[in-house]
């Protein structure tokens, strides 16, 4: 059944609202994903403050053309959905899509996205998705800063044991 012009205008308006509020967008190909998995994905995303919307590619491209985004839109083939987040963590949508992708490799694929005001291809979005979260990065920095002190303490202990 064809979508009416009024419904298309509503979808474009909704997409434009999402695009203007989102810190990042992830374009997802979801061919063969069953309804139960989709419902679980949406529920999981809602719990984390993220959104997931399926839209026709032409309507998505119209909505994206209204916003100034650097670069060329990546090639979008197949059925496309948009994962988005309007929170402080710009990595959250790509990280959560990647986490779901690991369990559904054949039917759920990252096709590209928008990050820091520019279009990104699938490879770049996969790289962005694998960046650890803020807490993990802070832990790694703390371990890195603590390492010289810890090594110095171990060296002093060995010297003290050797003198006894």
Protein backbone atom coordinates (compact mmCIF):
# COMPACT_ATOMS: atom_id res chain seq x y z
CA UNK A 1 0.00 0.00 0.00
CA UNK A 2 1.37 3.40 -0.99
CA UNK A 3 1.97 6.12 1.58
CA UNK A 4 -0.03 9.32 1.14
CA UNK A 5 1.71 12.67 0.65
CA UNK A 6 0.47 13.80 4.04
CA UNK A 7 1.95 10.73 5.75
CA UNK A 8 5.25 11.23 3.88
CA UNK A 9 5.36 14.86 5.05
CA UNK A 10 4.76 13.71 8.65
CA UNK A 11 7.57 11.14 8.40
CA UNK A 12 9.99 13.70 6.93
CA UNK A 13 9.07 16.19 9.67
CA UNK A 14 9.65 13.55 12.36
CA UNK A 15 12.99 12.57 10.80
CA UNK A 16 14.07 16.22 10.63
CA UNK A 17 13.25 16.60 14.33
CA UNK A 18 15.29 13.51 15.13
CA UNK A 19 18.21 14.69 13.00
CA UNK A 20 18.26 18.16 14.56
CA UNK A 21 18.25 16.82 18.15
CA UNK A 22 20.54 13.82 17.67
CA UNK A 23 24.22 13.97 18.54
CA UNK A 24 24.88 11.08 16.16
CA UNK A 25 22.96 8.83 13.78
CA UNK A 26 23.63 5.27 12.71
CA UNK A 27 22.15 3.89 9.47
CA UNK A 28 21.35 0.19 9.79
CA UNK A 29 20.44 -2.46 7.21
CA UNK A 30 18.09 -4.96 8.85
CA UNK A 31 17.09 -7.52 6.23
CA UNK A 32 15.63 -10.71 7.71
CA UNK A 33 15.37 -9.48 11.31
CA UNK A 34 12.33 -11.02 12.97
CA UNK A 35 9.68 -9.06 14.88
CA UNK A 36 10.69 -10.43 18.28
CA UNK A 37 14.31 -9.31 17.85
CA UNK A 38 13.17 -5.89 16.63
CA UNK A 39 10.89 -5.49 19.67
CA UNK A 40 13.75 -6.46 22.00
CA UNK A 41 16.06 -3.99 20.24
CA UNK A 42 13.57 -1.14 20.58
CA UNK A 43 12.94 -1.97 24.25
CA UNK A 44 16.67 -2.07 24.97
CA UNK A 45 17.22 1.23 23.15
CA UNK A 46 14.36 2.96 25.00
CA UNK A 47 15.86 1.83 28.30
CA UNK A 48 19.14 3.52 27.35
CA UNK A 49 17.59 6.74 26.05
CA UNK A 50 18.12 5.87 22.38
CA UNK A 51 15.72 5.69 19.46
CA UNK A 52 15.25 3.46 16.44
CA UNK A 53 13.13 4.37 13.44
CA UNK A 54 12.54 2.64 10.12
CA UNK A 55 11.99 4.92 7.12
CA UNK A 56 12.10 4.79 3.36
CA UNK A 57 15.48 5.76 1.94
CA UNK A 58 14.04 8.55 -0.20
CA UNK A 59 12.30 10.13 2.79
CA UNK A 60 15.43 9.79 4.90
CA UNK A 61 17.53 11.45 2.19
CA UNK A 62 15.04 14.33 1.95
CA UNK A 63 15.18 14.85 5.70
CA UNK A 64 18.98 14.72 5.68
CA UNK A 65 19.25 17.18 2.79
CA UNK A 66 17.48 19.83 4.88
CA UNK A 67 20.30 19.77 7.46
CA UNK A 68 23.82 20.95 6.69
CA UNK A 69 25.97 17.84 7.05
CA UNK A 70 29.51 17.66 5.67
CA UNK A 71 30.40 15.09 3.04
CA UNK A 72 28.40 12.67 0.91
CA UNK A 73 25.69 10.43 2.25
CA UNK A 74 26.97 6.82 2.29
CA UNK A 75 25.46 4.26 -0.07
CA UNK A 76 22.32 2.91 1.58
CA UNK A 77 21.13 -0.39 0.17
CA UNK A 78 18.31 -2.64 1.31
CA UNK A 79 15.95 -1.85 4.17
CA UNK A 80 17.25 1.04 6.29
CA UNK A 81 16.60 2.12 9.87
CA UNK A 82 18.09 4.97 11.87
CA UNK A 83 19.41 4.60 15.41
CA UNK A 84 19.87 7.87 17.24
CA UNK A 85 20.49 9.43 20.61
CA UNK A 86 20.05 12.97 21.87
CA UNK A 87 22.09 12.60 25.01
CA UNK A 88 25.59 13.59 26.09
CA UNK A 89 27.23 10.37 24.86
CA UNK A 90 27.57 10.67 21.08
CA UNK A 91 29.03 7.15 20.93
CA UNK A 92 26.04 5.45 22.56
CA UNK A 93 23.94 4.82 19.41
CA UNK A 94 26.83 3.31 17.46
CA UNK A 95 28.02 1.27 20.46
CA UNK A 96 24.55 -0.19 21.11
CA UNK A 97 23.93 -0.93 17.43
CA UNK A 98 27.31 -2.69 17.31
CA UNK A 99 26.44 -4.72 20.42
CA UNK A 100 23.20 -5.88 18.79
CA UNK A 101 25.04 -6.50 15.50
CA UNK A 102 27.39 -8.99 17.20
CA UNK A 103 24.43 -11.26 17.93
CA UNK A 104 22.75 -10.80 14.52
CA UNK A 105 25.63 -10.48 12.03
CA UNK A 106 23.70 -11.64 8.98
CA UNK A 107 20.51 -9.63 9.46
CA UNK A 108 21.67 -6.41 11.17
CA UNK A 109 24.52 -4.45 9.56
CA UNK A 110 25.84 -0.93 10.12
CA UNK A 111 25.61 0.90 6.78
CA UNK A 112 27.02 4.28 7.80
CA UNK A 113 25.98 7.26 9.84
CA UNK A 114 26.44 10.84 10.91
CA UNK A 115 29.03 11.64 13.57
CA UNK A 116 30.36 15.08 14.57
CA UNK A 117 28.43 16.79 11.79
CA UNK A 118 29.77 14.68 8.94
CA UNK A 119 28.66 11.57 7.08
CA UNK A 120 30.65 8.44 7.87
CA UNK A 121 30.82 5.20 5.92
CA UNK A 122 30.23 1.77 7.45
CA UNK A 123 33.90 1.16 8.28
CA UNK A 124 34.26 4.49 10.07
CA UNK A 125 31.06 3.87 12.06
CA UNK A 126 32.33 0.42 13.07
CA UNK A 127 35.55 2.05 14.32
CA UNK A 128 33.53 4.62 16.26
CA UNK A 129 31.34 1.88 17.72
CA UNK A 130 34.32 0.01 19.14
CA UNK A 131 35.61 3.01 21.13
CA UNK A 132 35.22 2.17 24.83
CA UNK A 133 32.85 4.18 27.01
CA UNK A 134 33.87 7.17 29.10
CA UNK A 135 34.20 5.19 32.34
CA UNK A 136 36.42 2.58 30.71
CA UNK A 137 38.65 5.27 29.18
CA UNK A 138 38.96 7.04 32.54
CA UNK A 139 39.92 3.73 34.14
CA UNK A 140 42.57 3.16 31.48
CA UNK A 141 44.00 6.65 32.08
CA UNK A 142 44.08 6.04 35.83
CA UNK A 143 45.91 2.73 35.31
CA UNK A 144 48.36 4.42 32.95
CA UNK A 145 49.08 7.19 35.46
CA UNK A 146 49.41 4.67 38.32
CA UNK A 147 51.76 2.36 36.41
CA UNK A 148 55.08 4.20 37.05
CA UNK A 149 54.34 4.52 40.77
CA UNK A 150 53.39 0.85 40.99
CA UNK A 151 56.55 -0.23 39.15
CA UNK A 152 58.67 1.96 41.43
CA UNK A 153 57.09 0.36 44.51
CA UNK A 154 57.76 -3.14 43.15
CA UNK A 155 61.40 -2.20 42.44
CA UNK A 156 61.84 -0.83 46.00
CA UNK A 157 60.33 -3.99 47.46
CA UNK A 158 62.72 -6.17 45.48
CA UNK A 159 65.69 -4.06 46.61
CA UNK A 160 64.54 -4.29 50.23
CA UNK A 161 64.16 -8.08 49.98
CA UNK A 162 67.60 -8.39 48.40
CA UNK A 163 69.30 -6.46 51.24
CA UNK A 164 67.80 -8.70 53.94
